[in-house]
C-alpha atoms as a PDB file:
ATOM      1  CA  MET A   1       0.012  -0.009   0.001  1.00  0.00           C
ATOM      2  CA  LYS A   2       2.829   2.349   0.889  1.00  0.00           C
ATOM      3  CA  LYS A   3       4.505   1.724  -2.512  1.00  0.00           C
ATOM      4  CA  ILE A   4       1.258   2.519  -4.333  1.00  0.00           C
ATOM      5  CA  LYS A   5       1.020   5.866  -2.486  1.00  0.00           C
ATOM      6  CA  ILE A   6       4.609   6.730  -3.322  1.00  0.00           C
ATOM      7  CA  LEU A   7       4.069   5.737  -6.960  1.00  0.00           C
ATOM      8  CA  LEU A   8       0.907   7.813  -7.122  1.00  0.00           C
ATOM      9  CA  ILE A   9       2.709  10.863  -5.698  1.00  0.00           C
ATOM     10  CA  ILE A  10       5.490  10.446  -8.246  1.00  0.00           C
ATOM     11  CA  VAL A  11       2.943  10.207 -11.128  1.00  0.00           C
ATOM     12  CA  ILE A  12       1.133  13.289  -9.902  1.00  0.00           C
ATOM     13  CA  CYS A  13       4.366  15.305  -9.526  1.00  0.00           C
ATOM     14  CA  PHE A  14       5.495  14.227 -12.981  1.00  0.00           C
ATOM     15  CA  SER A  15       2.150  15.201 -14.482  1.00  0.00           C
ATOM     16  CA  VAL A  16       2.238  18.624 -12.854  1.00  0.00           C
ATOM     17  CA  ALA A  17       5.814  19.092 -14.084  1.00  0.00           C
ATOM     18  CA  ILE A  18       4.811  18.222 -17.661  1.00  0.00           C
ATOM     19  CA  LEU A  19       1.776  20.487 -17.484  1.00  0.00           C
ATOM     20  CA  PHE A  20       3.800  23.366 -16.122  1.00  0.00           C
ATOM     21  CA  ASN A  21       6.543  22.837 -18.704  1.00  0.00           C
ATOM     22  CA  THR A  22       3.961  22.793 -21.508  1.00  0.00           C
ATOM     23  CA  TYR A  23       1.740  25.664 -20.505  1.00  0.00           C
ATOM     24  CA  GLY A  24       3.740  27.686 -17.967  1.00  0.00           C
ATOM     25  CA  GLY A  25       6.662  29.994 -18.178  1.00  0.00           C
ATOM     26  CA  ALA A  26       7.991  31.543 -21.348  1.00  0.00           C
ATOM     27  CA  ARG A  27       6.833  28.752 -23.659  1.00  0.00           C
ATOM     28  CA  GLY A  28       3.379  28.835 -22.016  1.00  0.00           C
ATOM     29  CA  VAL A  29       2.944  32.476 -23.129  1.00  0.00           C
ATOM     30  CA  VAL A  30       3.807  31.473 -26.702  1.00  0.00           C
ATOM     31  CA  VAL A  31       1.388  28.537 -26.564  1.00  0.00           C
ATOM     32  CA  LYS A  32      -1.397  30.806 -25.292  1.00  0.00           C
ATOM     33  CA  TYR A  33      -0.694  33.407 -27.986  1.00  0.00           C
ATOM     34  CA  ALA A  34      -0.492  30.869 -30.820  1.00  0.00           C
ATOM     35  CA  SER A  35      -3.498  28.938 -29.545  1.00  0.00           C
ATOM     36  CA  GLY A  36      -5.467  32.179 -29.216  1.00  0.00           C
ATOM     37  CA  MET A  37      -4.594  33.065 -32.842  1.00  0.00           C
ATOM     38  CA  LYS A  38      -5.614  29.610 -34.076  1.00  0.00           C
ATOM     39  CA  ASN A  39      -8.913  29.576 -32.164  1.00  0.00           C
ATOM     40  CA  SER A  40      -9.730  33.276 -32.626  1.00  0.00           C
ATOM     41  CA  ASP A  41      -9.668  33.624 -28.839  1.00  0.00           C
ATOM     42  CA  SER A  42      -9.115  37.326 -28.191  1.00  0.00           C
ATOM     43  CA  GLU A  43      -9.252  36.983 -24.422  1.00  0.00           C
ATOM     44  CA  LYS A  44      -6.518  34.343 -24.428  1.00  0.00           C
ATOM     45  CA  ILE A  45      -4.284  36.567 -26.576  1.00  0.00           C
ATOM     46  CA  VAL A  46      -4.830  39.663 -24.434  1.00  0.00           C
ATOM     47  CA  SER A  47      -4.061  37.653 -21.278  1.00  0.00           C
ATOM     48  CA  VAL A  48      -0.384  37.373 -22.308  1.00  0.00           C
ATOM     49  CA  PHE A  49       0.115  41.158 -22.533  1.00  0.00           C
ATOM     50  CA  HIS A  50       1.454  43.239 -19.579  1.00  0.00           C
ATOM     51  CA  GLU A  51      -1.203  45.690 -18.332  1.00  0.00           C
ATOM     52  CA  SER A  52       1.031  48.693 -19.161  1.00  0.00           C
ATOM     53  CA  MET A  53       1.220  47.516 -22.794  1.00  0.00           C
ATOM     54  CA  ILE A  54      -2.574  47.239 -23.037  1.00  0.00           C
ATOM     55  CA  LEU A  55      -3.284  50.589 -21.423  1.00  0.00           C
ATOM     56  CA  GLU A  56      -0.756  52.467 -23.675  1.00  0.00           C
ATOM     57  CA  SER A  57      -2.824  51.712 -26.782  1.00  0.00           C
ATOM     58  CA  TYR A  58      -6.286  50.964 -25.428  1.00  0.00           C
ATOM     59  CA  GLU A  59      -8.672  52.416 -22.869  1.00  0.00           C
ATOM     60  CA  ASN A  60      -8.874  49.055 -21.115  1.00  0.00           C
ATOM     61  CA  GLU A  61      -8.460  45.299 -21.649  1.00  0.00           C
ATOM     62  CA  ASN A  62     -11.997  44.952 -23.121  1.00  0.00           C
ATOM     63  CA  GLU A  63     -11.214  47.475 -25.864  1.00  0.00           C
ATOM     64  CA  MET A  64      -8.153  45.384 -26.881  1.00  0.00           C
ATOM     65  CA  ILE A  65     -10.302  42.260 -26.880  1.00  0.00           C
ATOM     66  CA  GLU A  66     -12.833  44.011 -29.158  1.00  0.00           C
ATOM     67  CA  TYR A  67     -10.017  44.950 -31.500  1.00  0.00           C
ATOM     68  CA  PHE A  68      -8.899  41.319 -31.832  1.00  0.00           C
ATOM     69  CA  ASP A  69     -12.494  40.187 -32.200  1.00  0.00           C
ATOM     70  CA  SER A  70     -13.028  42.571 -35.131  1.00  0.00           C
ATOM     71  CA  THR A  71      -9.689  41.450 -36.728  1.00  0.00           C
ATOM     72  CA  PHE A  72     -10.726  37.786 -36.488  1.00  0.00           C
ATOM     73  CA  LYS A  73     -14.117  38.658 -37.979  1.00  0.00           C
ATOM     74  CA  GLU A  74     -12.389  40.348 -40.950  1.00  0.00           C
ATOM     75  CA  MET A  75     -10.056  37.378 -41.397  1.00  0.00           C
ATOM     76  CA  GLU A  76     -13.054  35.015 -41.431  1.00  0.00           C
ATOM     77  CA  GLU A  77     -14.923  37.232 -43.958  1.00  0.00           C
ATOM     78  CA  GLU A  78     -11.890  37.064 -46.222  1.00  0.00           C
ATOM     79  CA  PHE A  79     -11.697  33.248 -45.805  1.00  0.00           C
ATOM     80  CA  TYR A  80      -8.372  33.539 -43.961  1.00  0.00           C
ATOM     81  CA  ILE A  81      -8.290  30.759 -41.399  1.00  0.00           C
ATOM     82  CA  ILE A  82      -5.422  29.545 -39.202  1.00  0.00           C
ATOM     83  CA  LYS A  83      -5.619  25.772 -39.152  1.00  0.00           C
ATOM     84  CA  LYS A  84      -2.673  24.858 -36.885  1.00  0.00           C
ATOM     85  CA  TYR A  85       0.574  26.033 -35.374  1.00  0.00           C
ATOM     86  CA  LYS A  86       3.919  24.557 -34.393  1.00  0.00           C
ATOM     87  CA  ILE A  87       6.326  25.987 -31.853  1.00  0.00           C
ATOM     88  CA  ASN A  88      10.004  25.285 -32.373  1.00  0.00           C
ATOM     89  CA  ASP A  89      11.360  24.425 -28.939  1.00  0.00           C
ATOM     90  CA  ASP A  90      14.816  25.683 -29.828  1.00  0.00           C
ATOM     91  CA  TYR A  91      14.428  29.231 -28.561  1.00  0.00           C
ATOM     92  CA  LYS A  92      16.940  32.135 -28.515  1.00  0.00           C
ATOM     93  CA  GLN A  93      17.900  33.297 -25.046  1.00  0.00           C
ATOM     94  CA  TYR A  94      18.799  37.001 -25.097  1.00  0.00           C
ATOM     95  CA  GLU A  95      22.049  38.234 -23.625  1.00  0.00           C
ATOM     96  CA  LYS A  96      22.240  40.889 -20.844  1.00  0.00           C
ATOM     97  CA  ASP A  97      23.052  43.775 -23.293  1.00  0.00           C
ATOM     98  CA  GLU A  98      20.128  42.845 -25.560  1.00  0.00           C
ATOM     99  CA  ILE A  99      17.809  42.650 -22.530  1.00  0.00           C
ATOM    100  CA  GLY A 100      18.992  46.108 -21.465  1.00  0.00           C
ATOM    101  CA  LYS A 101      18.027  47.585 -24.890  1.00  0.00           C
ATOM    102  CA  ILE A 102      14.584  45.906 -24.763  1.00  0.00           C
ATOM    103  CA  ALA A 103      14.109  47.043 -21.170  1.00  0.00           C
ATOM    104  CA  LYS A 104      14.862  50.654 -22.187  1.00  0.00           C
ATOM    105  CA  GLU A 105      12.284  50.434 -25.015  1.00  0.00           C
ATOM    106  CA  LEU A 106       9.664  48.972 -22.673  1.00  0.00           C
ATOM    107  CA  ASN A 107      10.361  51.870 -20.281  1.00  0.00           C
ATOM    108  CA  ASP A 108      10.174  54.464 -23.009  1.00  0.00           C
ATOM    109  CA  TYR A 109       6.958  53.196 -24.597  1.00  0.00           C
ATOM    110  CA  TYR A 110       5.103  51.542 -21.696  1.00  0.00           C
ATOM    111  CA  LYS A 111       6.680  52.960 -18.526  1.00  0.00           C
ATOM    112  CA  ILE A 112       7.767  49.488 -17.382  1.00  0.00           C
ATOM    113  CA  ASN A 113      10.726  49.832 -14.987  1.00  0.00           C
ATOM    114  CA  GLU A 114      13.913  48.762 -16.795  1.00  0.00           C
ATOM    115  CA  ASP A 115      15.088  46.692 -13.781  1.00  0.00           C
ATOM    116  CA  ASP A 116      11.864  44.656 -13.841  1.00  0.00           C
ATOM    117  CA  LEU A 117      12.800  42.872 -17.122  1.00  0.00           C
ATOM    118  CA  THR A 118      15.141  40.054 -16.171  1.00  0.00           C
ATOM    119  CA  GLU A 119      14.984  37.561 -19.058  1.00  0.00           C
ATOM    120  CA  VAL A 120      13.951  37.540 -22.741  1.00  0.00           C
ATOM    121  CA  ARG A 121      13.463  34.667 -25.144  1.00  0.00           C
ATOM    122  CA  ARG A 122      12.450  34.372 -28.798  1.00  0.00           C
ATOM    123  CA  TYR A 123      10.524  31.388 -30.161  1.00  0.00           C
ATOM    124  CA  LYS A 124       9.838  30.536 -33.813  1.00  0.00           C
ATOM    125  CA  VAL A 125       6.204  29.653 -34.523  1.00  0.00           C
ATOM    126  CA  SER A 126       4.904  28.246 -37.832  1.00  0.00           C
ATOM    127  CA  PHE A 127       1.271  28.856 -38.665  1.00  0.00           C
ATOM    128  CA  GLU A 128      -0.520  26.800 -41.332  1.00  0.00           C
ATOM    129  CA  MET A 129      -3.407  28.747 -42.833  1.00  0.00           C
ATOM    130  CA  LEU A 130      -6.039  28.628 -45.469  1.00  0.00           C
ATOM    131  CA  ASN A 131      -6.220  31.823 -47.495  1.00  0.00           C
ATOM    132  CA  ASP A 132      -9.287  31.688 -49.722  1.00  0.00           C
ATOM    133  CA  GLY A 133      -9.019  27.900 -49.826  1.00  0.00           C
ATOM    134  CA  GLU A 134      -5.257  27.910 -50.582  1.00  0.00           C
ATOM    135  CA  LYS A 135      -2.896  26.365 -48.028  1.00  0.00           C
ATOM    136  CA  GLU A 136      -0.128  28.681 -46.785  1.00  0.00           C
ATOM    137  CA  THR A 137       2.562  28.513 -44.110  1.00  0.00           C
ATOM    138  CA  SER A 138       3.905  31.512 -42.284  1.00  0.00           C
ATOM    139  CA  GLU A 139       6.705  31.671 -39.762  1.00  0.00           C
ATOM    140  CA  THR A 140       6.867  34.353 -37.098  1.00  0.00           C
ATOM    141  CA  LYS A 141       9.133  34.917 -34.139  1.00  0.00           C
ATOM    142  CA  ILE A 142       7.454  35.627 -30.794  1.00  0.00           C
ATOM    143  CA  VAL A 143       9.502  37.501 -28.176  1.00  0.00           C
ATOM    144  CA  VAL A 144       8.534  37.018 -24.537  1.00  0.00           C
ATOM    145  CA  GLY A 145      10.020  38.627 -21.458  1.00  0.00           C
ATOM    146  CA  LYS A 146       9.978  38.014 -17.731  1.00  0.00           C
ATOM    147  CA  ILE A 147       8.765  41.149 -15.976  1.00  0.00           C
ATOM    148  CA  LYS A 148       8.729  41.028 -12.141  1.00  0.00           C
ATOM    149  CA  GLY A 149       8.934  37.268 -12.336  1.00  0.00           C
ATOM    150  CA  ILE A 150       6.000  36.795 -14.794  1.00  0.00           C
ATOM    151  CA  TRP A 151       6.359  35.992 -18.480  1.00  0.00           C
ATOM    152  CA  TYR A 152       4.606  38.255 -20.997  1.00  0.00           C
ATOM    153  CA  TYR A 153       4.348  38.675 -24.744  1.00  0.00           C
ATOM    154  CA  ILE A 154       6.639  41.528 -25.906  1.00  0.00           C
ATOM    155  CA  ALA A 155       6.636  41.483 -29.662  1.00  0.00           C
ATOM    156  CA  ALA A 156       6.429  39.489 -32.899  1.00  0.00           C
ATOM    157  CA  GLU A 157       9.182  39.725 -35.490  1.00  0.00           C
END
């Protein structure tokens, strides 16, 4: 009985570790963003933005959600549909000097304290789409940053 409990605890811990690794941290932000794009889920996309980034361009979070909703509606009307995405797990870890430049930009544009940005990564994401019935593939680079210990979407390249 004791061995079964220990085995059960190991399985639960392993499952939590896999779930955290898949949907948490830097990669989790990229998964949420790409999944939101694929499923036209504006709320999911907006959830990966830092509040200061939202409020710099929009009155509030709901206004940004409405913007994405209208963009998805236009895409649908033009028969432009994202079918699937693939995230390349081989990300680029930014060096300290690169982080400093990005931190300065975040401070200049969004009033985010430069010292709050401690880590930045860039992931490649491939989107497979249908554009008026024709299959297309597009690759984009998603940049995420750790601000006060929490990962956020920073930019797409």
